[in-house]
Amino acid sequence: MSLLDASPTGSASPTGSAPAEAAGEAPAATRDKPGSLLPVLRIIPEAAYDNPTWKGMAYVLRDTVIYLAALAGLFVFDNIFVVLALWVVMALVISGLFVIGHDAAHEALFKSKRLNSVVGHLAMFPSWHVYEGWVLGHNRVHHKFTVRQGMDFVWHPYTTEQYRHLSSFGRLRHRIEWSWFGAGAYYTREIWWHKMMVGKPPARWVKAIRRDRWIIFAWIVATNAAVFAIGLARYGSVIDALWLPIKMFVIPFLLFNFVIGSFVHVHHISPNIRWWSGREWTKFRGQMEGTTILRVAPGLNFFFHWIMIHIPHHVDVRIPMYNLELAADAIRDAYPDVVHDERLRFRDFINNTKQCKLYDFEEGHWMTYNEALARPEVVADDAAA
């Protein structure tokens, strides 16, 4: 399924009428129906929704200053060790700005819709993301249909049959992109390029997405061309001049894609996370069982902005990033047998990528390539062929 070919209906909130229902009483006919998120919404503390303008702007300004300082450092310094350190900082701070833009796109960062839009657009410039394309794909599709077969496009698993029908190149690409080191390649190709930069949007989204694509395209061309021209004057060599924008923009962009690709993977891909067919999927299964709460090492939320505390974000996108832990604690205490609440460890991400290659939607479990291709029906089909 193509993200931008999809045309899901409904309100801008992925939880449908949840905001109105959370604020007051739901109609009796719809109250607490099976698979509803209403019982979860009721236990989230009211304080989790506080989002003063000054607090959101403080995060915006802090991350912007760090980004500009790191960018200036990459412009000034050529020492390889300094450059490597600055690339790490750039990957982290671009991720931080992206999370800010992500919060603004959900209209959680500020009360003002206009301020959310302005900040969201600007915060996504360093990651070269099309803001309105992100709103469509992330808010309207991913959140509305989390871990639902044929609908949620982010890290949507292949079945054994789909994998067997891939070309040799397609299988190789799948093996690379579904490895831990291929998360950036997957995100760059499948999400950023196909779903945001060139995908065909539904008719009513064409104007806004096309406008934002041109804005991002102009930003990429203008900034890289300007830095190339400065590099040409500075070094007097085309090769050295080309290296300057690659060093300042391209490599940080690719490193960011690895960070965001791996983040989204651990949010929704694990041997313990089930994907559901349409007839079995519910909002509760998608938003409560289809993602995780991952506790990061002290200090990392300086850049990660609590995005790894993902269950409360999926339950109600109105919760600003800095209040997700408050909501997560309440949800975990009320649903201890449902919530995945664990430490974030890189080795767990590696293990997940080793175990979660292909998916059986009928039986509801992940398989490695060897497990999938060794199944009796597959072996029999291959022998008959």
Protein backbone atom coordinates (compact mmCIF):
# COMPACT_ATOMS: atom_id res chain seq x y z
CA MET A 1 0.00 0.00 0.00
CA SER A 2 1.28 3.46 -0.86
CA LEU A 3 0.99 6.02 1.88
CA LEU A 4 0.15 8.94 -0.34
CA ASP A 5 -2.25 6.91 -2.46
CA ALA A 6 -4.26 6.24 0.68
CA SER A 7 -7.10 8.57 1.49
CA PRO A 8 -8.19 7.82 5.05
CA THR A 9 -11.06 9.81 6.40
CA GLY A 10 -11.74 11.14 9.85
CA SER A 11 -10.59 13.96 12.05
CA ALA A 12 -7.04 15.17 12.43
CA SER A 13 -6.77 13.28 15.69
CA PRO A 14 -5.62 9.67 15.17
CA THR A 15 -7.88 8.58 17.98
CA GLY A 16 -10.95 9.83 16.15
CA SER A 17 -13.28 11.51 18.64
CA ALA A 18 -11.05 10.71 21.60
CA PRO A 19 -10.20 14.35 22.48
CA ALA A 20 -13.88 15.26 22.80
CA GLU A 21 -14.65 12.03 24.62
CA ALA A 22 -11.73 12.48 27.00
CA ALA A 23 -12.90 15.97 27.90
CA GLY A 24 -16.49 14.91 28.67
CA GLU A 25 -18.87 12.00 28.70
CA ALA A 26 -19.06 9.79 25.60
CA PRO A 27 -22.45 8.81 24.21
CA ALA A 28 -23.78 5.73 26.00
CA ALA A 29 -23.94 3.80 22.72
CA THR A 30 -20.18 4.12 22.20
CA ARG A 31 -18.92 4.16 25.78
CA ASP A 32 -16.27 1.53 26.54
CA LYS A 33 -16.97 -0.60 23.50
CA PRO A 34 -14.55 -3.53 23.00
CA GLY A 35 -11.17 -2.29 21.87
CA SER A 36 -11.90 1.30 22.92
CA LEU A 37 -9.24 3.61 24.30
CA LEU A 38 -11.68 5.51 26.49
CA PRO A 39 -10.80 3.62 29.71
CA VAL A 40 -7.13 4.42 29.08
CA LEU A 41 -7.83 8.08 28.34
CA ARG A 42 -9.71 8.44 31.61
CA ILE A 43 -6.70 7.51 33.75
CA ILE A 44 -4.27 10.01 32.16
CA PRO A 45 -3.66 12.89 34.63
CA GLU A 46 -4.99 16.26 33.54
CA ALA A 47 -1.55 17.75 34.17
CA ALA A 48 -0.16 15.65 31.30
CA TYR A 49 -1.89 18.00 28.85
CA ASP A 50 -0.30 21.22 30.11
CA ASN A 51 1.67 22.86 27.29
CA PRO A 52 2.62 26.46 28.08
CA THR A 53 4.00 28.39 25.11
CA TRP A 54 7.18 29.40 26.92
CA LYS A 55 8.13 25.78 27.55
CA GLY A 56 7.72 24.69 23.94
CA MET A 57 9.67 27.73 22.71
CA ALA A 58 12.46 27.03 25.19
CA TYR A 59 13.02 23.61 23.60
CA VAL A 60 12.82 25.10 20.11
CA LEU A 61 15.38 27.82 20.84
CA ARG A 62 17.75 25.52 22.75
CA ASP A 63 17.88 22.90 19.98
CA THR A 64 18.16 25.56 17.28
CA VAL A 65 21.18 27.12 18.98
CA ILE A 66 22.89 23.72 19.30
CA TYR A 67 22.12 22.92 15.65
CA LEU A 68 23.53 26.23 14.40
CA ALA A 69 26.63 25.86 16.58
CA ALA A 70 27.30 22.34 15.28
CA LEU A 71 26.69 23.51 11.71
CA ALA A 72 29.17 26.34 12.20
CA GLY A 73 31.67 23.86 13.63
CA LEU A 74 31.39 21.67 10.54
CA PHE A 75 31.95 24.74 8.38
CA VAL A 76 35.05 25.82 10.28
CA PHE A 77 36.79 22.58 11.21
CA ASP A 78 38.32 19.93 8.94
CA ASN A 79 40.02 17.80 11.59
CA ILE A 80 38.51 14.34 11.17
CA PHE A 81 38.05 13.73 14.91
CA VAL A 82 36.27 17.04 15.39
CA VAL A 83 34.13 16.36 12.33
CA LEU A 84 33.16 12.88 13.58
CA ALA A 85 32.15 14.29 16.95
CA LEU A 86 30.11 17.04 15.30
CA TRP A 87 28.36 14.48 13.07
CA VAL A 88 27.18 12.67 16.20
CA VAL A 89 25.91 15.94 17.66
CA MET A 90 24.19 16.81 14.37
CA ALA A 91 22.45 13.43 14.17
CA LEU A 92 21.16 13.91 17.72
CA VAL A 93 20.13 17.55 17.48
CA ILE A 94 18.42 17.09 14.10
CA SER A 95 16.53 14.23 15.74
CA GLY A 96 15.61 16.54 18.61
CA LEU A 97 14.35 19.23 16.24
CA PHE A 98 12.44 16.58 14.32
CA VAL A 99 10.70 15.42 17.51
CA ILE A 100 9.76 19.05 18.16
CA GLY A 101 8.35 19.29 14.63
CA HIS A 102 6.57 15.97 15.18
CA ASP A 103 4.95 17.32 18.38
CA ALA A 104 3.94 20.50 16.56
CA ALA A 105 2.42 18.45 13.73
CA HIS A 106 0.21 16.76 16.34
CA GLU A 107 -0.68 20.24 17.70
CA ALA A 108 0.63 19.13 21.10
CA LEU A 109 3.51 21.60 21.47
CA PHE A 110 1.45 24.79 21.62
CA LYS A 111 -2.19 25.73 22.02
CA SER A 112 -2.00 27.89 18.90
CA LYS A 113 -2.60 25.97 15.68
CA ARG A 114 -0.74 28.60 13.68
CA LEU A 115 2.29 28.55 15.96
CA ASN A 116 2.39 24.76 15.77
CA SER A 117 2.39 24.96 11.98
CA VAL A 118 5.13 27.61 11.76
CA VAL A 119 7.41 25.88 14.28
CA GLY A 120 6.67 22.46 12.79
CA HIS A 121 7.67 23.58 9.29
CA LEU A 122 10.88 25.22 10.51
CA ALA A 123 11.90 22.39 12.85
CA MET A 124 11.74 19.90 9.97
CA PHE A 125 14.03 21.91 7.68
CA PRO A 126 17.29 20.32 8.99
CA SER A 127 15.88 16.81 8.37
CA TRP A 128 14.61 17.81 4.87
CA HIS A 129 11.09 16.60 5.70
CA VAL A 130 7.91 17.71 3.97
CA TYR A 131 5.75 18.92 6.84
CA GLU A 132 2.31 18.41 5.28
CA GLY A 133 3.40 15.06 3.86
CA TRP A 134 4.42 14.04 7.36
CA VAL A 135 1.06 15.18 8.77
CA LEU A 136 -0.78 13.05 6.23
CA GLY A 137 1.34 9.92 6.54
CA HIS A 138 2.16 9.99 10.22
CA ASN A 139 -0.95 11.51 11.78
CA ARG A 140 -3.65 10.29 9.41
CA VAL A 141 -2.31 6.84 8.51
CA HIS A 142 0.32 5.55 10.93
CA HIS A 143 -1.43 6.71 14.09
CA LYS A 144 -4.90 5.86 12.93
CA PHE A 145 -3.99 2.31 11.85
CA THR A 146 -0.96 1.39 14.00
CA VAL A 147 0.23 -2.21 13.33
CA ARG A 148 -2.80 -2.93 11.14
CA GLN A 149 -2.14 -5.12 8.11
CA GLY A 150 -2.31 -3.31 4.80
CA MET A 151 -2.79 0.10 6.41
CA ASP A 152 0.13 1.07 8.66
CA PHE A 153 2.95 1.66 6.19
CA VAL A 154 5.82 2.12 8.68
CA TRP A 155 7.98 -1.02 8.87
CA HIS A 156 5.04 -3.02 7.52
CA PRO A 157 6.19 -6.67 7.51
CA TYR A 158 6.40 -8.90 4.46
CA THR A 159 4.79 -12.32 4.52
CA THR A 160 6.70 -15.42 3.43
CA GLU A 161 4.77 -15.48 0.16
CA GLN A 162 5.53 -11.84 -0.59
CA TYR A 163 9.22 -12.37 0.11
CA ARG A 164 9.36 -15.45 -2.13
CA HIS A 165 7.96 -13.45 -5.03
CA LEU A 166 10.62 -10.75 -4.76
CA SER A 167 13.40 -10.62 -7.32
CA SER A 168 16.93 -11.50 -6.22
CA PHE A 169 17.64 -7.78 -5.89
CA GLY A 170 14.43 -7.28 -3.91
CA ARG A 171 15.38 -10.04 -1.48
CA LEU A 172 18.85 -8.58 -1.05
CA ARG A 173 17.41 -5.14 -0.40
CA HIS A 174 14.96 -6.58 2.13
CA ARG A 175 17.78 -8.37 3.95
CA ILE A 176 19.81 -5.16 4.12
CA GLU A 177 16.96 -2.85 5.12
CA TRP A 178 15.62 -5.24 7.77
CA SER A 179 19.04 -5.57 9.42
CA TRP A 180 20.09 -3.24 12.23
CA PHE A 181 22.56 -1.38 10.02
CA GLY A 182 20.01 -0.96 7.24
CA ALA A 183 17.43 1.03 9.22
CA GLY A 184 18.61 4.29 7.68
CA ALA A 185 18.51 2.89 4.16
CA TYR A 186 14.94 1.66 4.75
CA TYR A 187 13.79 4.98 6.12
CA THR A 188 15.49 7.04 3.41
CA ARG A 189 14.06 4.99 0.55
CA GLU A 190 10.70 3.80 1.82
CA ILE A 191 9.56 6.67 4.05
CA TRP A 192 11.42 9.85 3.09
CA TRP A 193 11.69 9.36 -0.67
CA HIS A 194 8.72 7.22 -1.72
CA LYS A 195 6.19 8.31 0.87
CA MET A 196 7.08 11.97 1.25
CA MET A 197 9.04 13.35 -1.67
CA VAL A 198 7.50 11.65 -4.72
CA GLY A 199 4.35 9.80 -3.64
CA LYS A 200 0.99 10.86 -5.09
CA PRO A 201 -1.19 12.49 -2.41
CA PRO A 202 -5.00 12.30 -2.24
CA ALA A 203 -6.63 15.14 -4.16
CA ARG A 204 -7.43 17.32 -1.17
CA TRP A 205 -3.82 17.14 0.06
CA VAL A 206 -2.12 17.83 -3.28
CA LYS A 207 -1.84 21.61 -2.96
CA ALA A 208 -0.41 21.67 0.57
CA ILE A 209 2.02 18.80 0.04
CA ARG A 210 3.20 20.10 -3.34
CA ARG A 211 3.85 23.52 -1.81
CA ASP A 212 5.86 22.03 1.05
CA ARG A 213 7.80 19.79 -1.33
CA TRP A 214 8.88 22.82 -3.33
CA ILE A 215 9.84 24.62 -0.11
CA ILE A 216 12.03 21.71 1.02
CA PHE A 217 13.48 21.22 -2.47
CA ALA A 218 14.35 24.94 -2.66
CA TRP A 219 15.87 24.76 0.84
CA ILE A 220 18.05 21.79 -0.08
CA VAL A 221 19.24 23.34 -3.35
CA ALA A 222 19.79 26.84 -1.94
CA THR A 223 21.72 25.81 1.18
CA ASN A 224 23.91 23.26 -0.60
CA ALA A 225 24.57 25.58 -3.55
CA ALA A 226 25.47 28.47 -1.26
CA VAL A 227 27.87 26.36 0.80
CA PHE A 228 29.39 24.89 -2.38
CA ALA A 229 30.02 28.40 -3.72
CA ILE A 230 31.63 29.41 -0.44
CA GLY A 231 33.72 26.25 -0.49
CA LEU A 232 34.86 26.95 -4.03
CA ALA A 233 36.03 30.40 -3.01
CA ARG A 234 37.59 29.05 0.16
CA TYR A 235 39.43 26.01 -1.24
CA GLY A 236 39.69 26.76 -4.96
CA SER A 237 38.97 23.09 -5.74
CA VAL A 238 35.70 21.58 -6.95
CA ILE A 239 36.30 18.37 -4.97
CA ASP A 240 36.94 20.27 -1.74
CA ALA A 241 34.00 22.56 -2.45
CA LEU A 242 31.71 19.53 -2.92
CA TRP A 243 32.93 18.05 0.33
CA LEU A 244 31.75 21.09 2.32
CA PRO A 245 27.96 20.65 1.75
CA ILE A 246 28.34 16.89 2.00
CA LYS A 247 30.05 17.33 5.37
CA MET A 248 27.58 19.93 6.64
CA PHE A 249 24.25 18.67 5.30
CA VAL A 250 24.23 15.35 3.47
CA ILE A 251 26.01 13.13 5.98
CA PRO A 252 24.10 14.58 8.97
CA PHE A 253 20.86 13.95 7.03
CA LEU A 254 21.79 10.31 6.39
CA LEU A 255 22.84 9.81 10.02
CA PHE A 256 19.54 11.30 11.16
CA ASN A 257 17.70 8.85 8.91
CA PHE A 258 19.45 5.97 10.66
CA VAL A 259 18.44 7.38 14.05
CA ILE A 260 14.78 7.92 13.12
CA GLY A 261 14.58 4.62 11.22
CA SER A 262 15.91 2.65 14.19
CA PHE A 263 13.69 4.58 16.61
CA VAL A 264 10.54 3.77 14.67
CA HIS A 265 11.66 0.14 14.40
CA VAL A 266 11.98 -0.33 18.17
CA HIS A 267 8.68 1.48 18.66
CA HIS A 268 6.69 -1.06 16.66
CA ILE A 269 8.82 -4.09 15.76
CA SER A 270 9.57 -6.75 18.38
CA PRO A 271 8.91 -10.48 18.86
CA ASN A 272 6.47 -9.32 21.57
CA ILE A 273 4.55 -6.92 19.32
CA ARG A 274 1.84 -8.42 17.16
CA TRP A 275 0.57 -7.02 13.88
CA TRP A 276 -3.14 -7.57 13.24
CA SER A 277 -5.35 -8.24 10.26
CA GLY A 278 -8.14 -5.76 9.67
CA ARG A 279 -10.85 -7.96 11.16
CA GLU A 280 -8.89 -8.48 14.39
CA TRP A 281 -7.39 -5.01 14.84
CA THR A 282 -8.80 -2.60 17.42
CA LYS A 283 -7.66 0.81 18.63
CA PHE A 284 -6.63 -0.71 21.94
CA ARG A 285 -4.53 -3.39 20.28
CA GLY A 286 -2.94 -0.89 17.93
CA GLN A 287 -2.13 1.89 20.34
CA MET A 288 -1.60 -0.02 23.61
CA GLU A 289 -0.15 -3.35 22.45
CA GLY A 290 1.40 -2.16 19.17
CA THR A 291 4.11 0.02 20.67
CA THR A 292 6.40 0.37 23.67
CA ILE A 293 7.67 2.41 26.59
CA LEU A 294 11.46 2.42 26.44
CA ARG A 295 13.44 4.09 29.21
CA VAL A 296 16.65 5.66 27.92
CA ALA A 297 19.92 6.24 29.75
CA PRO A 298 20.11 9.43 31.84
CA GLY A 299 20.79 12.49 29.71
CA LEU A 300 19.63 11.08 26.37
CA ASN A 301 16.23 12.73 26.62
CA PHE A 302 18.09 16.01 26.25
CA PHE A 303 17.94 15.16 22.52
CA PHE A 304 15.37 12.35 22.34
CA HIS A 305 12.66 14.45 24.02
CA TRP A 306 10.96 11.39 25.53
CA ILE A 307 9.89 10.08 22.11
CA MET A 308 10.77 6.57 23.30
CA ILE A 309 7.90 6.82 25.82
CA HIS A 310 5.65 5.89 22.96
CA ILE A 311 2.49 4.25 24.33
CA PRO A 312 0.97 7.42 25.85
CA HIS A 313 1.80 9.29 22.65
CA HIS A 314 -0.21 6.76 20.66
CA VAL A 315 -3.06 6.74 23.16
CA ASP A 316 -3.46 10.53 22.97
CA VAL A 317 -1.33 12.68 20.67
CA ARG A 318 -2.32 15.85 22.56
CA ILE A 319 0.20 15.04 25.32
CA PRO A 320 3.34 17.18 24.81
CA MET A 321 6.65 15.34 24.70
CA TYR A 322 7.87 16.52 28.12
CA ASN A 323 4.75 15.11 29.86
CA LEU A 324 4.86 11.63 28.32
CA GLU A 325 6.52 10.04 31.37
CA LEU A 326 3.74 11.32 33.62
CA ALA A 327 1.10 9.75 31.38
CA ALA A 328 3.17 6.58 30.92
CA ASP A 329 3.39 5.92 34.65
CA ALA A 330 -0.38 6.18 35.02
CA ILE A 331 -1.03 3.88 32.05
CA ARG A 332 1.53 1.31 33.20
CA ASP A 333 0.09 1.20 36.71
CA ALA A 334 -3.42 0.64 35.33
CA TYR A 335 -2.40 -1.91 32.66
CA PRO A 336 0.73 -3.70 33.95
CA ASP A 337 0.00 -6.88 31.97
CA VAL A 338 -0.39 -4.99 28.67
CA VAL A 339 2.27 -2.30 28.68
CA HIS A 340 5.77 -3.06 27.36
CA ASP A 341 7.92 -0.97 29.73
CA GLU A 342 11.63 -1.72 29.38
CA ARG A 343 15.07 -0.18 29.21
CA LEU A 344 16.26 0.91 25.78
CA ARG A 345 19.30 -1.18 24.90
CA PHE A 346 21.00 -1.21 21.52
CA ARG A 347 21.57 -4.96 21.71
CA ASP A 348 17.80 -5.48 21.99
CA PHE A 349 17.35 -3.56 18.75
CA ILE A 350 19.96 -5.81 17.10
CA ASN A 351 18.23 -8.94 18.44
CA ASN A 352 14.86 -7.69 17.21
CA THR A 353 16.22 -7.21 13.70
CA LYS A 354 17.59 -10.76 13.76
CA GLN A 355 14.29 -12.33 14.82
CA CYS A 356 11.74 -10.12 13.06
CA LYS A 357 12.18 -10.63 9.32
CA LEU A 358 8.88 -11.98 7.95
CA TYR A 359 5.42 -12.22 9.46
CA ASP A 360 2.61 -14.76 9.61
CA PHE A 361 -0.63 -12.78 9.96
CA GLU A 362 -2.77 -15.90 10.37
CA GLU A 363 -0.79 -17.21 13.34
CA GLY A 364 0.29 -13.77 14.53
CA HIS A 365 4.04 -14.12 14.98
CA TRP A 366 7.40 -13.08 13.55
CA MET A 367 9.84 -15.42 11.80
CA THR A 368 13.45 -15.39 10.71
CA TYR A 369 14.16 -16.04 7.03
CA ASN A 370 15.25 -19.60 7.81
CA GLU A 371 12.12 -20.32 9.85
CA ALA A 372 9.85 -18.93 7.15
CA LEU A 373 11.50 -20.67 4.21
CA ALA A 374 11.80 -24.01 6.06
CA ARG A 375 8.04 -24.33 6.63
CA PRO A 376 6.67 -27.57 5.11
CA GLU A 377 4.30 -25.82 2.70
CA VAL A 378 7.10 -23.62 1.38
CA VAL A 379 9.48 -26.53 0.93
CA ALA A 380 6.74 -28.50 -0.85
CA ASP A 381 5.98 -25.60 -3.19
CA ASP A 382 9.66 -25.13 -3.99
CA ALA A 383 10.06 -28.85 -4.68
CA ALA A 384 7.02 -28.86 -6.97
CA ALA A 385 8.38 -25.88 -8.86
